Amino acid sequence: MVTEIITLIVAIIVAIILWKVLKTIKSMVINTVLGLIILVVANLVLGLNIAYTWIVVLVCAIGGVVGALLIIALNYLGIAF
């Protein structure tokens, strides 16, 4: 009886942890995709000629929308990218 209760408690804890991790991953993926879409649209509309290097994609993946706006601002000011 005790082992069944302990197993149930462990299963609930694991389910809660998995739910929180998957929720975080989902929001991160959405933010990354939005950042990359903003970067592509800005490249096409504004003609910025930002090369899609691994650094640019990594900044957009980590920073999302804010990272894309940072890359656009740095390119527009002629500092980087």
PDB file of N, CA and C in Angstrom:
ATOM      1  N   MET A   1       0.809  -1.191   0.000  1.00  0.00           N
ATOM      2  CA  MET A   1       0.000   0.000   0.000  1.00  0.00           C
ATOM      3  C   MET A   1       0.858   1.263   0.000  1.00  0.00           C
ATOM      4  N   VAL A   2       1.921   1.264   0.778  1.00  0.00           N
ATOM      5  CA  VAL A   2       2.796   2.434   0.859  1.00  0.00           C
ATOM      6  C   VAL A   2       3.527   2.651  -0.461  1.00  0.00           C
ATOM      7  N   THR A   3       3.993   1.578  -1.085  1.00  0.00           N
ATOM      8  CA  THR A   3       4.715   1.725  -2.349  1.00  0.00           C
ATOM      9  C   THR A   3       3.806   2.261  -3.448  1.00  0.00           C
ATOM     10  N   GLU A   4       2.535   1.906  -3.415  1.00  0.00           N
ATOM     11  CA  GLU A   4       1.603   2.422  -4.416  1.00  0.00           C
ATOM     12  C   GLU A   4       1.391   3.920  -4.248  1.00  0.00           C
ATOM     13  N   ILE A   5       1.313   4.380  -3.023  1.00  0.00           N
ATOM     14  CA  ILE A   5       1.147   5.808  -2.755  1.00  0.00           C
ATOM     15  C   ILE A   5       2.402   6.572  -3.167  1.00  0.00           C
ATOM     16  N   ILE A   6       3.560   6.026  -2.845  1.00  0.00           N
ATOM     17  CA  ILE A   6       4.819   6.672  -3.239  1.00  0.00           C
ATOM     18  C   ILE A   6       4.941   6.717  -4.755  1.00  0.00           C
ATOM     19  N   THR A   7       4.578   5.648  -5.436  1.00  0.00           N
ATOM     20  CA  THR A   7       4.619   5.617  -6.893  1.00  0.00           C
ATOM     21  C   THR A   7       3.665   6.646  -7.488  1.00  0.00           C
ATOM     22  N   LEU A   8       2.504   6.792  -6.922  1.00  0.00           N
ATOM     23  CA  LEU A   8       1.533   7.772  -7.383  1.00  0.00           C
ATOM     24  C   LEU A   8       2.060   9.191  -7.195  1.00  0.00           C
ATOM     25  N   ILE A   9       2.661   9.469  -6.051  1.00  0.00           N
ATOM     26  CA  ILE A   9       3.230  10.794  -5.787  1.00  0.00           C
ATOM     27  C   ILE A   9       4.363  11.094  -6.759  1.00  0.00           C
ATOM     28  N   VAL A  10       5.245  10.137  -6.996  1.00  0.00           N
ATOM     29  CA  VAL A  10       6.350  10.322  -7.943  1.00  0.00           C
ATOM     30  C   VAL A  10       5.813  10.557  -9.357  1.00  0.00           C
ATOM     31  N   ALA A  11       4.777   9.827  -9.750  1.00  0.00           N
ATOM     32  CA  ALA A  11       4.188   9.999 -11.073  1.00  0.00           C
ATOM     33  C   ALA A  11       3.583  11.394 -11.229  1.00  0.00           C
ATOM     34  N   ILE A  12       2.941  11.890 -10.201  1.00  0.00           N
ATOM     35  CA  ILE A  12       2.369  13.242 -10.253  1.00  0.00           C
ATOM     36  C   ILE A  12       3.468  14.287 -10.349  1.00  0.00           C
ATOM     37  N   ILE A  13       4.527  14.125  -9.593  1.00  0.00           N
ATOM     38  CA  ILE A  13       5.651  15.068  -9.644  1.00  0.00           C
ATOM     39  C   ILE A  13       6.285  15.060 -11.029  1.00  0.00           C
ATOM     40  N   VAL A  14       6.504  13.894 -11.607  1.00  0.00           N
ATOM     41  CA  VAL A  14       7.086  13.793 -12.946  1.00  0.00           C
ATOM     42  C   VAL A  14       6.164  14.435 -13.981  1.00  0.00           C
ATOM     43  N   ALA A  15       4.875  14.239 -13.864  1.00  0.00           N
ATOM     44  CA  ALA A  15       3.917  14.835 -14.801  1.00  0.00           C
ATOM     45  C   ALA A  15       3.945  16.353 -14.715  1.00  0.00           C
ATOM     46  N   ILE A  16       4.040  16.895 -13.523  1.00  0.00           N
ATOM     47  CA  ILE A  16       4.093  18.353 -13.356  1.00  0.00           C
ATOM     48  C   ILE A  16       5.380  18.911 -13.946  1.00  0.00           C
ATOM     49  N   ILE A  17       6.493  18.258 -13.707  1.00  0.00           N
ATOM     50  CA  ILE A  17       7.774  18.718 -14.252  1.00  0.00           C
ATOM     51  C   ILE A  17       7.755  18.675 -15.778  1.00  0.00           C
ATOM     52  N   LEU A  18       7.261  17.589 -16.361  1.00  0.00           N
ATOM     53  CA  LEU A  18       7.183  17.488 -17.816  1.00  0.00           C
ATOM     54  C   LEU A  18       6.266  18.553 -18.403  1.00  0.00           C
ATOM     55  N   TRP A  19       5.161  18.839 -17.746  1.00  0.00           N
ATOM     56  CA  TRP A  19       4.246  19.862 -18.232  1.00  0.00           C
ATOM     57  C   TRP A  19       4.907  21.235 -18.248  1.00  0.00           C
ATOM     58  N   LYS A  20       5.662  21.566 -17.193  1.00  0.00           N
ATOM     59  CA  LYS A  20       6.343  22.857 -17.134  1.00  0.00           C
ATOM     60  C   LYS A  20       7.446  22.953 -18.186  1.00  0.00           C
ATOM     61  N   VAL A  21       8.189  21.884 -18.395  1.00  0.00           N
ATOM     62  CA  VAL A  21       9.259  21.893 -19.390  1.00  0.00           C
ATOM     63  C   VAL A  21       8.683  22.038 -20.798  1.00  0.00           C
ATOM     64  N   LEU A  22       7.661  21.294 -21.115  1.00  0.00           N
ATOM     65  CA  LEU A  22       7.064  21.371 -22.440  1.00  0.00           C
ATOM     66  C   LEU A  22       6.409  22.727 -22.680  1.00  0.00           C
ATOM     67  N   LYS A  23       5.839  23.310 -21.662  1.00  0.00           N
ATOM     68  CA  LYS A  23       5.244  24.641 -21.782  1.00  0.00           C
ATOM     69  C   LYS A  23       6.324  25.667 -22.087  1.00  0.00           C
ATOM     70  N   THR A  24       7.470  25.571 -21.448  1.00  0.00           N
ATOM     71  CA  THR A  24       8.578  26.482 -21.688  1.00  0.00           C
ATOM     72  C   THR A  24       9.139  26.294 -23.086  1.00  0.00           C
ATOM     73  N   ILE A  25       9.294  25.073 -23.525  1.00  0.00           N
ATOM     74  CA  ILE A  25       9.829  24.796 -24.858  1.00  0.00           C
ATOM     75  C   ILE A  25       8.882  25.330 -25.926  1.00  0.00           C
ATOM     76  N   LYS A  26       7.595  25.188 -25.710  1.00  0.00           N
ATOM     77  CA  LYS A  26       6.610  25.666 -26.683  1.00  0.00           C
ATOM     78  C   LYS A  26       6.710  27.176 -26.852  1.00  0.00           C
ATOM     79  N   SER A  27       6.789  27.917 -25.775  1.00  0.00           N
ATOM     80  CA  SER A  27       6.884  29.373 -25.876  1.00  0.00           C
ATOM     81  C   SER A  27       8.209  29.802 -26.490  1.00  0.00           C
ATOM     82  N   MET A  28       9.280  29.075 -26.205  1.00  0.00           N
ATOM     83  CA  MET A  28      10.577  29.404 -26.789  1.00  0.00           C
ATOM     84  C   MET A  28      10.572  29.171 -28.304  1.00  0.00           C
ATOM     85  N   VAL A  29       9.961  28.093 -28.745  1.00  0.00           N
ATOM     86  CA  VAL A  29       9.883  27.806 -30.180  1.00  0.00           C
ATOM     87  C   VAL A  29       9.057  28.872 -30.887  1.00  0.00           C
ATOM     88  N   ILE A  30       7.946  29.269 -30.296  1.00  0.00           N
ATOM     89  CA  ILE A  30       7.116  30.311 -30.900  1.00  0.00           C
ATOM     90  C   ILE A  30       7.882  31.625 -30.991  1.00  0.00           C
ATOM     91  N   ASN A  31       8.599  31.998 -29.945  1.00  0.00           N
ATOM     92  CA  ASN A  31       9.386  33.225 -29.940  1.00  0.00           C
ATOM     93  C   ASN A  31      10.498  33.164 -30.986  1.00  0.00           C
ATOM     94  N   THR A  32      11.141  32.023 -31.138  1.00  0.00           N
ATOM     95  CA  THR A  32      12.199  31.852 -32.130  1.00  0.00           C
ATOM     96  C   THR A  32      11.651  31.997 -33.543  1.00  0.00           C
ATOM     97  N   VAL A  33      10.540  31.352 -33.816  1.00  0.00           N
ATOM     98  CA  VAL A  33       9.950  31.415 -35.155  1.00  0.00           C
ATOM     99  C   VAL A  33       9.518  32.847 -35.470  1.00  0.00           C
ATOM    100  N   LEU A  34       8.921  33.531 -34.519  1.00  0.00           N
ATOM    101  CA  LEU A  34       8.530  34.925 -34.740  1.00  0.00           C
ATOM    102  C   LEU A  34       9.741  35.812 -35.010  1.00  0.00           C
ATOM    103  N   GLY A  35      10.824  35.593 -34.288  1.00  0.00           N
ATOM    104  CA  GLY A  35      12.047  36.362 -34.517  1.00  0.00           C
ATOM    105  C   GLY A  35      12.608  36.139 -35.908  1.00  0.00           C
ATOM    106  N   LEU A  36      12.634  34.900 -36.354  1.00  0.00           N
ATOM    107  CA  LEU A  36      13.142  34.603 -37.694  1.00  0.00           C
ATOM    108  C   LEU A  36      12.223  35.170 -38.777  1.00  0.00           C
ATOM    109  N   ILE A  37      10.916  35.132 -38.554  1.00  0.00           N
ATOM    110  CA  ILE A  37       9.982  35.711 -39.530  1.00  0.00           C
ATOM    111  C   ILE A  37      10.179  37.218 -39.618  1.00  0.00           C
ATOM    112  N   ILE A  38      10.348  37.883 -38.488  1.00  0.00           N
ATOM    113  CA  ILE A  38      10.594  39.328 -38.491  1.00  0.00           C
ATOM    114  C   ILE A  38      11.874  39.643 -39.234  1.00  0.00           C
ATOM    115  N   LEU A  39      12.901  38.845 -39.039  1.00  0.00           N
ATOM    116  CA  LEU A  39      14.178  39.074 -39.712  1.00  0.00           C
ATOM    117  C   LEU A  39      14.044  38.896 -41.221  1.00  0.00           C
ATOM    118  N   VAL A  40      13.347  37.866 -41.657  1.00  0.00           N
ATOM    119  CA  VAL A  40      13.163  37.626 -43.091  1.00  0.00           C
ATOM    120  C   VAL A  40      12.330  38.741 -43.720  1.00  0.00           C
ATOM    121  N   VAL A  41      11.251  39.133 -43.050  1.00  0.00           N
ATOM    122  CA  VAL A  41      10.400  40.202 -43.584  1.00  0.00           C
ATOM    123  C   VAL A  41      11.165  41.518 -43.651  1.00  0.00           C
ATOM    124  N   ALA A  42      11.934  41.827 -42.634  1.00  0.00           N
ATOM    125  CA  ALA A  42      12.734  43.054 -42.648  1.00  0.00           C
ATOM    126  C   ALA A  42      13.773  43.015 -43.758  1.00  0.00           C
ATOM    127  N   ASN A  43      14.360  41.853 -43.987  1.00  0.00           N
ATOM    128  CA  ASN A  43      15.329  41.711 -45.071  1.00  0.00           C
ATOM    129  C   ASN A  43      14.669  41.951 -46.422  1.00  0.00           C
ATOM    130  N   LEU A  44      13.476  41.411 -46.611  1.00  0.00           N
ATOM    131  CA  LEU A  44      12.786  41.555 -47.893  1.00  0.00           C
ATOM    132  C   LEU A  44      12.226  42.958 -48.087  1.00  0.00           C
ATOM    133  N   VAL A  45      11.595  43.509 -47.069  1.00  0.00           N
ATOM    134  CA  VAL A  45      10.922  44.803 -47.200  1.00  0.00           C
ATOM    135  C   VAL A  45      11.921  45.961 -47.171  1.00  0.00           C
ATOM    136  N   LEU A  46      12.831  45.942 -46.230  1.00  0.00           N
ATOM    137  CA  LEU A  46      13.773  47.050 -46.075  1.00  0.00           C
ATOM    138  C   LEU A  46      15.041  46.888 -46.897  1.00  0.00           C
ATOM    139  N   GLY A  47      15.264  45.718 -47.450  1.00  0.00           N
ATOM    140  CA  GLY A  47      16.459  45.471 -48.258  1.00  0.00           C
ATOM    141  C   GLY A  47      17.746  45.603 -47.463  1.00  0.00           C
ATOM    142  N   LEU A  48      17.791  45.027 -46.290  1.00  0.00           N
ATOM    143  CA  LEU A  48      18.953  45.172 -45.415  1.00  0.00           C
ATOM    144  C   LEU A  48      20.129  44.283 -45.807  1.00  0.00           C
ATOM    145  N   ASN A  49      19.886  43.236 -46.545  1.00  0.00           N
ATOM    146  CA  ASN A  49      20.930  42.287 -46.955  1.00  0.00           C
ATOM    147  C   ASN A  49      21.672  41.679 -45.767  1.00  0.00           C
ATOM    148  N   ILE A  50      20.935  41.271 -44.774  1.00  0.00           N
ATOM    149  CA  ILE A  50      21.512  40.573 -43.619  1.00  0.00           C
ATOM    150  C   ILE A  50      21.712  39.119 -44.015  1.00  0.00           C
ATOM    151  N   ALA A  51      22.946  38.651 -43.904  1.00  0.00           N
ATOM    152  CA  ALA A  51      23.242  37.255 -44.241  1.00  0.00           C
ATOM    153  C   ALA A  51      22.748  36.347 -43.121  1.00  0.00           C
ATOM    154  N   TYR A  52      22.195  35.216 -43.501  1.00  0.00           N
ATOM    155  CA  TYR A  52      21.679  34.260 -42.507  1.00  0.00           C
ATOM    156  C   TYR A  52      22.795  33.317 -42.083  1.00  0.00           C
ATOM    157  N   THR A  53      23.689  33.815 -41.259  1.00  0.00           N
ATOM    158  CA  THR A  53      24.783  32.997 -40.744  1.00  0.00           C
ATOM    159  C   THR A  53      24.311  32.295 -39.474  1.00  0.00           C
ATOM    160  N   TRP A  54      25.146  31.408 -38.970  1.00  0.00           N
ATOM    161  CA  TRP A  54      24.769  30.677 -37.773  1.00  0.00           C
ATOM    162  C   TRP A  54      24.687  31.609 -36.571  1.00  0.00           C
ATOM    163  N   ILE A  55      25.452  32.704 -36.567  1.00  0.00           N
ATOM    164  CA  ILE A  55      25.402  33.661 -35.465  1.00  0.00           C
ATOM    165  C   ILE A  55      24.061  34.392 -35.462  1.00  0.00           C
ATOM    166  N   VAL A  56      23.602  34.807 -36.645  1.00  0.00           N
ATOM    167  CA  VAL A  56      22.323  35.512 -36.759  1.00  0.00           C
ATOM    168  C   VAL A  56      21.180  34.595 -36.332  1.00  0.00           C
ATOM    169  N   VAL A  57      21.203  33.365 -36.796  1.00  0.00           N
ATOM    170  CA  VAL A  57      20.148  32.415 -36.434  1.00  0.00           C
ATOM    171  C   VAL A  57      20.194  32.109 -34.939  1.00  0.00           C
ATOM    172  N   LEU A  58      21.374  32.006 -34.369  1.00  0.00           N
ATOM    173  CA  LEU A  58      21.510  31.742 -32.935  1.00  0.00           C
ATOM    174  C   LEU A  58      20.986  32.909 -32.105  1.00  0.00           C
ATOM    175  N   VAL A  59      21.278  34.136 -32.519  1.00  0.00           N
ATOM    176  CA  VAL A  59      20.764  35.302 -31.799  1.00  0.00           C
ATOM    177  C   VAL A  59      19.242  35.339 -31.868  1.00  0.00           C
ATOM    178  N   CYS A  60      18.692  35.023 -33.041  1.00  0.00           N
ATOM    179  CA  CYS A  60      17.232  34.980 -33.173  1.00  0.00           C
ATOM    180  C   CYS A  60      16.641  33.818 -32.375  1.00  0.00           C
ATOM    181  N   ALA A  61      17.338  32.715 -32.311  1.00  0.00           N
ATOM    182  CA  ALA A  61      16.834  31.565 -31.563  1.00  0.00           C
ATOM    183  C   ALA A  61      16.819  31.846 -30.070  1.00  0.00           C
ATOM    184  N   ILE A  62      17.831  32.501 -29.575  1.00  0.00           N
ATOM    185  CA  ILE A  62      17.906  32.786 -28.146  1.00  0.00           C
ATOM    186  C   ILE A  62      17.089  34.031 -27.782  1.00  0.00           C
ATOM    187  N   GLY A  63      17.216  35.070 -28.603  1.00  0.00           N
ATOM    188  CA  GLY A  63      16.548  36.327 -28.287  1.00  0.00           C
ATOM    189  C   GLY A  63      15.149  36.465 -28.831  1.00  0.00           C
ATOM    190  N   GLY A  64      14.808  35.679 -29.837  1.00  0.00           N
ATOM    191  CA  GLY A  64      13.474  35.759 -30.430  1.00  0.00           C
ATOM    192  C   GLY A  64      13.236  37.079 -31.115  1.00  0.00           C
ATOM    193  N   VAL A  65      12.109  37.695 -30.810  1.00  0.00           N
ATOM    194  CA  VAL A  65      11.736  38.964 -31.425  1.00  0.00           C
ATOM    195  C   VAL A  65      12.735  40.055 -31.051  1.00  0.00           C
ATOM    196  N   VAL A  66      13.134  40.103 -29.807  1.00  0.00           N
ATOM    197  CA  VAL A  66      14.098  41.115 -29.356  1.00  0.00           C
ATOM    198  C   VAL A  66      15.444  40.921 -30.060  1.00  0.00           C
ATOM    199  N   GLY A  67      15.861  39.677 -30.232  1.00  0.00           N
ATOM    200  CA  GLY A  67      17.109  39.394 -30.939  1.00  0.00           C
ATOM    201  C   GLY A  67      17.048  39.828 -32.391  1.00  0.00           C
ATOM    202  N   ALA A  68      15.915  39.603 -33.042  1.00  0.00           N
ATOM    203  CA  ALA A  68      15.757  40.021 -34.438  1.00  0.00           C
ATOM    204  C   ALA A  68      15.809  41.545 -34.549  1.00  0.00           C
ATOM    205  N   LEU A  69      15.130  42.221 -33.634  1.00  0.00           N
ATOM    206  CA  LEU A  69      15.159  43.680 -33.648  1.00  0.00           C
ATOM    207  C   LEU A  69      16.565  44.216 -33.367  1.00  0.00           C
ATOM    208  N   LEU A  70      17.307  43.543 -32.520  1.00  0.00           N
ATOM    209  CA  LEU A  70      18.686  43.934 -32.242  1.00  0.00           C
ATOM    210  C   LEU A  70      19.550  43.770 -33.482  1.00  0.00           C
ATOM    211  N   ILE A  71      19.402  42.678 -34.191  1.00  0.00           N
ATOM    212  CA  ILE A  71      20.172  42.449 -35.411  1.00  0.00           C
ATOM    213  C   ILE A  71      19.818  43.497 -36.459  1.00  0.00           C
ATOM    214  N   ILE A  72      18.538  43.803 -36.598  1.00  0.00           N
ATOM    215  CA  ILE A  72      18.110  44.812 -37.564  1.00  0.00           C
ATOM    216  C   ILE A  72      18.682  46.181 -37.200  1.00  0.00           C
ATOM    217  N   ALA A  73      18.633  46.527 -35.910  1.00  0.00           N
ATOM    218  CA  ALA A  73      19.171  47.818 -35.472  1.00  0.00           C
ATOM    219  C   ALA A  73      20.677  47.900 -35.703  1.00  0.00           C
ATOM    220  N   LEU A  74      21.400  46.834 -35.382  1.00  0.00           N
ATOM    221  CA  LEU A  74      22.852  46.838 -35.590  1.00  0.00           C
ATOM    222  C   LEU A  74      23.207  46.924 -37.070  1.00  0.00           C
ATOM    223  N   ASN A  75      22.429  46.269 -37.913  1.00  0.00           N
ATOM    224  CA  ASN A  75      22.675  46.335 -39.357  1.00  0.00           C
ATOM    225  C   ASN A  75      22.345  47.725 -39.886  1.00  0.00           C
ATOM    226  N   TYR A  76      21.264  48.290 -39.433  1.00  0.00           N
ATOM    227  CA  TYR A  76      20.832  49.609 -39.890  1.00  0.00           C
ATOM    228  C   TYR A  76      21.851  50.687 -39.489  1.00  0.00           C
ATOM    229  N   LEU A  77      22.431  50.539 -38.309  1.00  0.00           N
ATOM    230  CA  LEU A  77      23.445  51.503 -37.840  1.00  0.00           C
ATOM    231  C   LEU A  77      24.828  51.225 -38.428  1.00  0.00           C
ATOM    232  N   GLY A  78      24.975  50.116 -39.128  1.00  0.00           N
ATOM    233  CA  GLY A  78      26.245  49.772 -39.754  1.00  0.00           C
ATOM    234  C   GLY A  78      27.277  49.238 -38.783  1.00  0.00           C
ATOM    235  N   ILE A  79      26.859  48.747 -37.647  1.00  0.00           N
ATOM    236  CA  ILE A  79      27.791  48.255 -36.630  1.00  0.00           C
ATOM    237  C   ILE A  79      28.156  46.795 -36.899  1.00  0.00           C
ATOM    238  N   ALA A  80      27.175  45.967 -37.209  1.00  0.00           N
ATOM    239  CA  ALA A  80      27.427  44.543 -37.422  1.00  0.00           C
ATOM    240  C   ALA A  80      26.418  43.966 -38.377  1.00  0.00           C
ATOM    241  N   PHE A  81      26.676  42.774 -38.829  1.00  0.00           N
ATOM    242  CA  PHE A  81      25.829  41.968 -39.695  1.00  0.00           C
ATOM    243  C   PHE A  81      25.667  42.641 -41.031  1.00  0.00           C
TER     244      PHE A  81
END
